[in-house]
PDB file of N, CA and C in Angstrom:
ATOM      1  N   MET A   1       0.849  -1.184   0.000  1.00  0.00           N
ATOM      2  CA  MET A   1       0.000   0.000   0.000  1.00  0.00           C
ATOM      3  C   MET A   1       0.891   1.243   0.000  1.00  0.00           C
ATOM      4  N   ARG A   2       0.544   2.171  -0.868  1.00  0.00           N
ATOM      5  CA  ARG A   2       1.297   3.416  -0.949  1.00  0.00           C
ATOM      6  C   ARG A   2       1.048   4.263   0.302  1.00  0.00           C
ATOM      7  N   ILE A   3       2.040   5.076   0.634  1.00  0.00           N
ATOM      8  CA  ILE A   3       1.970   5.881   1.852  1.00  0.00           C
ATOM      9  C   ILE A   3       0.759   6.817   1.844  1.00  0.00           C
ATOM     10  N   GLU A   4       0.389   7.326   0.666  1.00  0.00           N
ATOM     11  CA  GLU A   4      -0.738   8.252   0.557  1.00  0.00           C
ATOM     12  C   GLU A   4      -2.080   7.566   0.800  1.00  0.00           C
ATOM     13  N   GLU A   5      -2.115   6.246   0.692  1.00  0.00           N
ATOM     14  CA  GLU A   5      -3.354   5.486   0.847  1.00  0.00           C
ATOM     15  C   GLU A   5      -3.585   5.008   2.280  1.00  0.00           C
ATOM     16  N   LYS A   6      -2.591   5.168   3.136  1.00  0.00           N
ATOM     17  CA  LYS A   6      -2.708   4.696   4.514  1.00  0.00           C
ATOM     18  C   LYS A   6      -3.576   5.628   5.341  1.00  0.00           C
ATOM     19  N   THR A   7      -4.199   5.079   6.368  1.00  0.00           N
ATOM     20  CA  THR A   7      -4.990   5.904   7.273  1.00  0.00           C
ATOM     21  C   THR A   7      -4.056   6.765   8.121  1.00  0.00           C
ATOM     22  N   THR A   8      -4.594   7.814   8.699  1.00  0.00           N
ATOM     23  CA  THR A   8      -3.788   8.683   9.551  1.00  0.00           C
ATOM     24  C   THR A   8      -3.215   7.904  10.731  1.00  0.00           C
ATOM     25  N   ALA A   9      -4.023   7.040  11.326  1.00  0.00           N
ATOM     26  CA  ALA A   9      -3.549   6.241  12.459  1.00  0.00           C
ATOM     27  C   ALA A   9      -2.396   5.331  12.051  1.00  0.00           C
ATOM     28  N   THR A  10      -2.487   4.738  10.868  1.00  0.00           N
ATOM     29  CA  THR A  10      -1.413   3.868  10.381  1.00  0.00           C
ATOM     30  C   THR A  10      -0.151   4.675  10.113  1.00  0.00           C
ATOM     31  N   LEU A  11      -0.309   5.883   9.577  1.00  0.00           N
ATOM     32  CA  LEU A  11       0.851   6.748   9.353  1.00  0.00           C
ATOM     33  C   LEU A  11       1.546   7.073  10.670  1.00  0.00           C
ATOM     34  N   ILE A  12       0.774   7.395  11.690  1.00  0.00           N
ATOM     35  CA  ILE A  12       1.345   7.736  12.998  1.00  0.00           C
ATOM     36  C   ILE A  12       2.037   6.519  13.612  1.00  0.00           C
ATOM     37  N   ASP A  13       1.414   5.355  13.509  1.00  0.00           N
ATOM     38  CA  ASP A  13       2.027   4.129  14.016  1.00  0.00           C
ATOM     39  C   ASP A  13       3.341   3.853  13.288  1.00  0.00           C
ATOM     40  N   SER A  14       3.332   4.005  11.980  1.00  0.00           N
ATOM     41  CA  SER A  14       4.547   3.784  11.195  1.00  0.00           C
ATOM     42  C   SER A  14       5.632   4.793  11.565  1.00  0.00           C
ATOM     43  N   LEU A  15       5.237   6.033  11.830  1.00  0.00           N
ATOM     44  CA  LEU A  15       6.195   7.056  12.240  1.00  0.00           C
ATOM     45  C   LEU A  15       6.836   6.691  13.579  1.00  0.00           C
ATOM     46  N   MET A  16       6.045   6.236  14.513  1.00  0.00           N
ATOM     47  CA  MET A  16       6.588   5.845  15.822  1.00  0.00           C
ATOM     48  C   MET A  16       7.575   4.684  15.665  1.00  0.00           C
ATOM     49  N   THR A  17       7.213   3.708  14.856  1.00  0.00           N
ATOM     50  CA  THR A  17       8.079   2.554  14.633  1.00  0.00           C
ATOM     51  C   THR A  17       9.377   2.973  13.957  1.00  0.00           C
ATOM     52  N   ALA A  18       9.291   3.803  12.923  1.00  0.00           N
ATOM     53  CA  ALA A  18      10.494   4.257  12.221  1.00  0.00           C
ATOM     54  C   ALA A  18      11.396   5.073  13.142  1.00  0.00           C
ATOM     55  N   THR A  19      10.801   5.882  13.993  1.00  0.00           N
ATOM     56  CA  THR A  19      11.586   6.692  14.928  1.00  0.00           C
ATOM     57  C   THR A  19      12.364   5.806  15.896  1.00  0.00           C
ATOM     58  N   ILE A  20      11.723   4.795  16.432  1.00  0.00           N
ATOM     59  CA  ILE A  20      12.393   3.880  17.365  1.00  0.00           C
ATOM     60  C   ILE A  20      13.496   3.109  16.654  1.00  0.00           C
ATOM     61  N   ARG A  21      13.217   2.627  15.444  1.00  0.00           N
ATOM     62  CA  ARG A  21      14.231   1.877  14.703  1.00  0.00           C
ATOM     63  C   ARG A  21      15.413   2.762  14.329  1.00  0.00           C
ATOM     64  N   CYS A  22      15.147   4.008  13.990  1.00  0.00           N
ATOM     65  CA  CYS A  22      16.213   4.953  13.684  1.00  0.00           C
ATOM     66  C   CYS A  22      17.085   5.185  14.920  1.00  0.00           C
ATOM     67  N   TYR A  23      16.452   5.380  16.055  1.00  0.00           N
ATOM     68  CA  TYR A  23      17.182   5.584  17.302  1.00  0.00           C
ATOM     69  C   TYR A  23      18.048   4.361  17.626  1.00  0.00           C
ATOM     70  N   MET A  24      17.477   3.175  17.481  1.00  0.00           N
ATOM     71  CA  MET A  24      18.221   1.946  17.786  1.00  0.00           C
ATOM     72  C   MET A  24      19.410   1.781  16.837  1.00  0.00           C
ATOM     73  N   ALA A  25      19.222   2.111  15.571  1.00  0.00           N
ATOM     74  CA  ALA A  25      20.326   2.023  14.614  1.00  0.00           C
ATOM     75  C   ALA A  25      21.425   3.027  14.966  1.00  0.00           C
ATOM     76  N   GLN A  26      21.034   4.229  15.395  1.00  0.00           N
ATOM     77  CA  GLN A  26      22.025   5.227  15.783  1.00  0.00           C
ATOM     78  C   GLN A  26      22.804   4.768  17.016  1.00  0.00           C
ATOM     79  N   GLU A  27      22.131   4.083  17.920  1.00  0.00           N
ATOM     80  CA  GLU A  27      22.826   3.526  19.088  1.00  0.00           C
ATOM     81  C   GLU A  27      23.853   2.489  18.651  1.00  0.00           C
ATOM     82  N   LYS A  28      23.513   1.679  17.641  1.00  0.00           N
ATOM     83  CA  LYS A  28      24.454   0.688  17.124  1.00  0.00           C
ATOM     84  C   LYS A  28      25.642   1.358  16.443  1.00  0.00           C
ATOM     85  N   VAL A  29      25.400   2.497  15.790  1.00  0.00           N
ATOM     86  CA  VAL A  29      26.500   3.232  15.163  1.00  0.00           C
ATOM     87  C   VAL A  29      27.512   3.617  16.232  1.00  0.00           C
ATOM     88  N   MET A  30      27.017   4.096  17.342  1.00  0.00           N
ATOM     89  CA  MET A  30      27.898   4.574  18.407  1.00  0.00           C
ATOM     90  C   MET A  30      28.598   3.441  19.150  1.00  0.00           C
ATOM     91  N   SER A  31      28.023   2.242  19.114  1.00  0.00           N
ATOM     92  CA  SER A  31      28.626   1.143  19.874  1.00  0.00           C
ATOM     93  C   SER A  31      29.136   0.021  18.975  1.00  0.00           C
ATOM     94  N   GLY A  32      29.236   0.279  17.678  1.00  0.00           N
ATOM     95  CA  GLY A  32      29.690  -0.743  16.739  1.00  0.00           C
ATOM     96  C   GLY A  32      31.079  -1.247  17.082  1.00  0.00           C
ATOM     97  N   LYS A  33      31.235  -2.563  17.046  1.00  0.00           N
ATOM     98  CA  LYS A  33      32.524  -3.169  17.397  1.00  0.00           C
ATOM     99  C   LYS A  33      33.439  -3.271  16.194  1.00  0.00           C
ATOM    100  N   THR A  34      32.869  -3.351  14.998  1.00  0.00           N
ATOM    101  CA  THR A  34      33.670  -3.427  13.780  1.00  0.00           C
ATOM    102  C   THR A  34      33.228  -2.330  12.823  1.00  0.00           C
ATOM    103  N   ASP A  35      34.099  -2.040  11.862  1.00  0.00           N
ATOM    104  CA  ASP A  35      33.753  -1.043  10.847  1.00  0.00           C
ATOM    105  C   ASP A  35      32.531  -1.485  10.048  1.00  0.00           C
ATOM    106  N   GLN A  36      32.453  -2.768   9.737  1.00  0.00           N
ATOM    107  CA  GLN A  36      31.324  -3.287   8.969  1.00  0.00           C
ATOM    108  C   GLN A  36      30.017  -3.145   9.740  1.00  0.00           C
ATOM    109  N   GLU A  37      30.054  -3.451  11.015  1.00  0.00           N
ATOM    110  CA  GLU A  37      28.869  -3.326  11.875  1.00  0.00           C
ATOM    111  C   GLU A  37      28.423  -1.867  11.960  1.00  0.00           C
ATOM    112  N   THR A  38      29.375  -0.976  12.116  1.00  0.00           N
ATOM    113  CA  THR A  38      29.076   0.449  12.206  1.00  0.00           C
ATOM    114  C   THR A  38      28.517   0.981  10.887  1.00  0.00           C
ATOM    115  N   ALA A  39      29.116   0.561   9.775  1.00  0.00           N
ATOM    116  CA  ALA A  39      28.642   1.007   8.463  1.00  0.00           C
ATOM    117  C   ALA A  39      27.224   0.511   8.198  1.00  0.00           C
ATOM    118  N   ARG A  40      26.931  -0.736   8.541  1.00  0.00           N
ATOM    119  CA  ARG A  40      25.582  -1.279   8.332  1.00  0.00           C
ATOM    120  C   ARG A  40      24.565  -0.510   9.179  1.00  0.00           C
ATOM    121  N   ALA A  41      24.923  -0.239  10.426  1.00  0.00           N
ATOM    122  CA  ALA A  41      24.023   0.506  11.309  1.00  0.00           C
ATOM    123  C   ALA A  41      23.805   1.921  10.786  1.00  0.00           C
ATOM    124  N   ALA A  42      24.851   2.546  10.240  1.00  0.00           N
ATOM    125  CA  ALA A  42      24.721   3.899   9.693  1.00  0.00           C
ATOM    126  C   ALA A  42      23.778   3.903   8.492  1.00  0.00           C
ATOM    127  N   LYS A  43      23.891   2.899   7.622  1.00  0.00           N
ATOM    128  CA  LYS A  43      22.979   2.801   6.479  1.00  0.00           C
ATOM    129  C   LYS A  43      21.546   2.596   6.957  1.00  0.00           C
ATOM    130  N   ASP A  44      21.370   1.752   7.959  1.00  0.00           N
ATOM    131  CA  ASP A  44      20.031   1.522   8.512  1.00  0.00           C
ATOM    132  C   ASP A  44      19.457   2.819   9.086  1.00  0.00           C
ATOM    133  N   ALA A  45      20.282   3.554   9.830  1.00  0.00           N
ATOM    134  CA  ALA A  45      19.818   4.813  10.428  1.00  0.00           C
ATOM    135  C   ALA A  45      19.388   5.793   9.345  1.00  0.00           C
ATOM    136  N   GLN A  46      20.150   5.880   8.258  1.00  0.00           N
ATOM    137  CA  GLN A  46      19.787   6.777   7.158  1.00  0.00           C
ATOM    138  C   GLN A  46      18.481   6.341   6.506  1.00  0.00           C
ATOM    139  N   MET A  47      18.316   5.037   6.322  1.00  0.00           N
ATOM    140  CA  MET A  47      17.096   4.520   5.705  1.00  0.00           C
ATOM    141  C   MET A  47      15.876   4.828   6.576  1.00  0.00           C
ATOM    142  N   PHE A  48      15.992   4.559   7.870  1.00  0.00           N
ATOM    143  CA  PHE A  48      14.862   4.823   8.766  1.00  0.00           C
ATOM    144  C   PHE A  48      14.576   6.312   8.891  1.00  0.00           C
ATOM    145  N   ASN A  49      15.605   7.132   8.861  1.00  0.00           N
ATOM    146  CA  ASN A  49      15.393   8.576   8.929  1.00  0.00           C
ATOM    147  C   ASN A  49      14.688   9.078   7.666  1.00  0.00           C
ATOM    148  N   ALA A  50      15.056   8.540   6.508  1.00  0.00           N
ATOM    149  CA  ALA A  50      14.378   8.917   5.264  1.00  0.00           C
ATOM    150  C   ALA A  50      12.906   8.512   5.327  1.00  0.00           C
ATOM    151  N   ARG A  51      12.638   7.334   5.884  1.00  0.00           N
ATOM    152  CA  ARG A  51      11.251   6.874   6.034  1.00  0.00           C
ATOM    153  C   ARG A  51      10.489   7.799   6.978  1.00  0.00           C
ATOM    154  N   ARG A  52      11.131   8.166   8.084  1.00  0.00           N
ATOM    155  CA  ARG A  52      10.517   9.104   9.043  1.00  0.00           C
ATOM    156  C   ARG A  52      10.120  10.392   8.344  1.00  0.00           C
ATOM    157  N   ASN A  53      11.034  10.939   7.547  1.00  0.00           N
ATOM    158  CA  ASN A  53      10.759  12.199   6.858  1.00  0.00           C
ATOM    159  C   ASN A  53       9.569  12.078   5.919  1.00  0.00           C
ATOM    160  N   LYS A  54       9.482  10.983   5.168  1.00  0.00           N
ATOM    161  CA  LYS A  54       8.344  10.768   4.275  1.00  0.00           C
ATOM    162  C   LYS A  54       7.044  10.687   5.067  1.00  0.00           C
ATOM    163  N   LEU A  55       7.076   9.989   6.189  1.00  0.00           N
ATOM    164  CA  LEU A  55       5.878   9.843   7.011  1.00  0.00           C
ATOM    165  C   LEU A  55       5.471  11.185   7.618  1.00  0.00           C
ATOM    166  N   ILE A  56       6.427  11.958   8.078  1.00  0.00           N
ATOM    167  CA  ILE A  56       6.125  13.278   8.639  1.00  0.00           C
ATOM    168  C   ILE A  56       5.478  14.163   7.579  1.00  0.00           C
ATOM    169  N   ARG A  57       6.035  14.139   6.373  1.00  0.00           N
ATOM    170  CA  ARG A  57       5.458  14.938   5.284  1.00  0.00           C
ATOM    171  C   ARG A  57       4.032  14.489   4.966  1.00  0.00           C
ATOM    172  N   ALA A  58       3.814  13.177   4.954  1.00  0.00           N
ATOM    173  CA  ALA A  58       2.477  12.645   4.653  1.00  0.00           C
ATOM    174  C   ALA A  58       1.476  13.042   5.736  1.00  0.00           C
ATOM    175  N   ILE A  59       1.892  12.975   6.995  1.00  0.00           N
ATOM    176  CA  ILE A  59       1.008  13.364   8.101  1.00  0.00           C
ATOM    177  C   ILE A  59       0.719  14.856   8.037  1.00  0.00           C
ATOM    178  N   ASP A  60       1.744  15.665   7.807  1.00  0.00           N
ATOM    179  CA  ASP A  60       1.540  17.114   7.680  1.00  0.00           C
ATOM    180  C   ASP A  60       0.561  17.427   6.554  1.00  0.00           C
ATOM    181  N   ALA A  61       0.737  16.771   5.407  1.00  0.00           N
ATOM    182  CA  ALA A  61      -0.163  17.005   4.267  1.00  0.00           C
ATOM    183  C   ALA A  61      -1.577  16.594   4.622  1.00  0.00           C
ATOM    184  N   ARG A  62      -1.728  15.477   5.317  1.00  0.00           N
ATOM    185  CA  ARG A  62      -3.051  14.996   5.717  1.00  0.00           C
ATOM    186  C   ARG A  62      -3.740  15.989   6.633  1.00  0.00           C
ATOM    187  N   LEU A  63      -2.956  16.669   7.460  1.00  0.00           N
ATOM    188  CA  LEU A  63      -3.510  17.639   8.406  1.00  0.00           C
ATOM    189  C   LEU A  63      -3.646  19.031   7.792  1.00  0.00           C
ATOM    190  N   GLY A  64      -3.290  19.153   6.514  1.00  0.00           N
ATOM    191  CA  GLY A  64      -3.391  20.451   5.848  1.00  0.00           C
ATOM    192  C   GLY A  64      -2.300  21.418   6.247  1.00  0.00           C
ATOM    193  N   GLU A  65      -1.185  20.894   6.714  1.00  0.00           N
ATOM    194  CA  GLU A  65      -0.066  21.724   7.162  1.00  0.00           C
ATOM    195  C   GLU A  65       1.215  21.273   6.469  1.00  0.00           C
ATOM    196  N   ALA A  66       1.178  21.248   5.154  1.00  0.00           N
ATOM    197  CA  ALA A  66       2.281  20.688   4.372  1.00  0.00           C
ATOM    198  C   ALA A  66       3.640  21.328   4.667  1.00  0.00           C
ATOM    199  N   ASP A  67       3.665  22.582   5.070  1.00  0.00           N
ATOM    200  CA  ASP A  67       4.936  23.253   5.338  1.00  0.00           C
ATOM    201  C   ASP A  67       5.220  23.388   6.833  1.00  0.00           C
ATOM    202  N   ALA A  68       4.516  22.634   7.658  1.00  0.00           N
ATOM    203  CA  ALA A  68       4.631  22.805   9.107  1.00  0.00           C
ATOM    204  C   ALA A  68       5.950  22.300   9.675  1.00  0.00           C
ATOM    205  N   SER A  69       6.437  21.181   9.184  1.00  0.00           N
ATOM    206  CA  SER A  69       7.646  20.581   9.754  1.00  0.00           C
ATOM    207  C   SER A  69       8.893  21.010   9.010  1.00  0.00           C
ATOM    208  N   GLU A  70       9.898  21.367   9.759  1.00  0.00           N
ATOM    209  CA  GLU A  70      11.189  21.729   9.193  1.00  0.00           C
ATOM    210  C   GLU A  70      11.886  20.445   8.760  1.00  0.00           C
ATOM    211  N   MET A  71      12.113  20.297   7.474  1.00  0.00           N
ATOM    212  CA  MET A  71      12.700  19.063   6.971  1.00  0.00           C
ATOM    213  C   MET A  71      14.056  19.303   6.310  1.00  0.00           C
ATOM    214  N   GLU A  72      14.626  20.462   6.541  1.00  0.00           N
ATOM    215  CA  GLU A  72      15.895  20.803   5.972  1.00  0.00           C
ATOM    216  C   GLU A  72      17.000  20.094   6.732  1.00  0.00           C
ATOM    217  N   LYS A  73      18.017  19.649   6.034  1.00  0.00           N
ATOM    218  CA  LYS A  73      19.143  19.008   6.714  1.00  0.00           C
ATOM    219  C   LYS A  73      19.964  20.070   7.423  1.00  0.00           C
ATOM    220  N   THR A  74      20.352  19.763   8.626  1.00  0.00           N
ATOM    221  CA  THR A  74      21.223  20.663   9.378  1.00  0.00           C
ATOM    222  C   THR A  74      22.411  19.854   9.886  1.00  0.00           C
ATOM    223  N   TYR A  75      23.554  20.443   9.835  1.00  0.00           N
ATOM    224  CA  TYR A  75      24.761  19.782  10.294  1.00  0.00           C
ATOM    225  C   TYR A  75      25.482  20.710  11.245  1.00  0.00           C
ATOM    226  N   SER A  76      26.041  20.125  12.296  1.00  0.00           N
ATOM    227  CA  SER A  76      26.813  20.960  13.219  1.00  0.00           C
ATOM    228  C   SER A  76      28.195  21.174  12.617  1.00  0.00           C
ATOM    229  N   GLU A  77      28.751  22.300  12.922  1.00  0.00           N
ATOM    230  CA  GLU A  77      30.075  22.638  12.357  1.00  0.00           C
ATOM    231  C   GLU A  77      31.172  22.356  13.349  1.00  0.00           C
TER     232      GLU A  77
END
């Protein structure tokens, strides 16, 4: 099922799940024992974060607030 076809409740549930998985992957990045383990966790974290962003945009659009969430990448210097 496409993201636009999901119910609002399903979108919110998916967002919560993606957020937790992203957090867990980031924890693995920080505690990775090997370079391969760390790289895999980093890829997972990026994938889950991209999913989170899509879900946030879909929820915002559903609520009629398409520009409500700041989705710009920010990096510390």
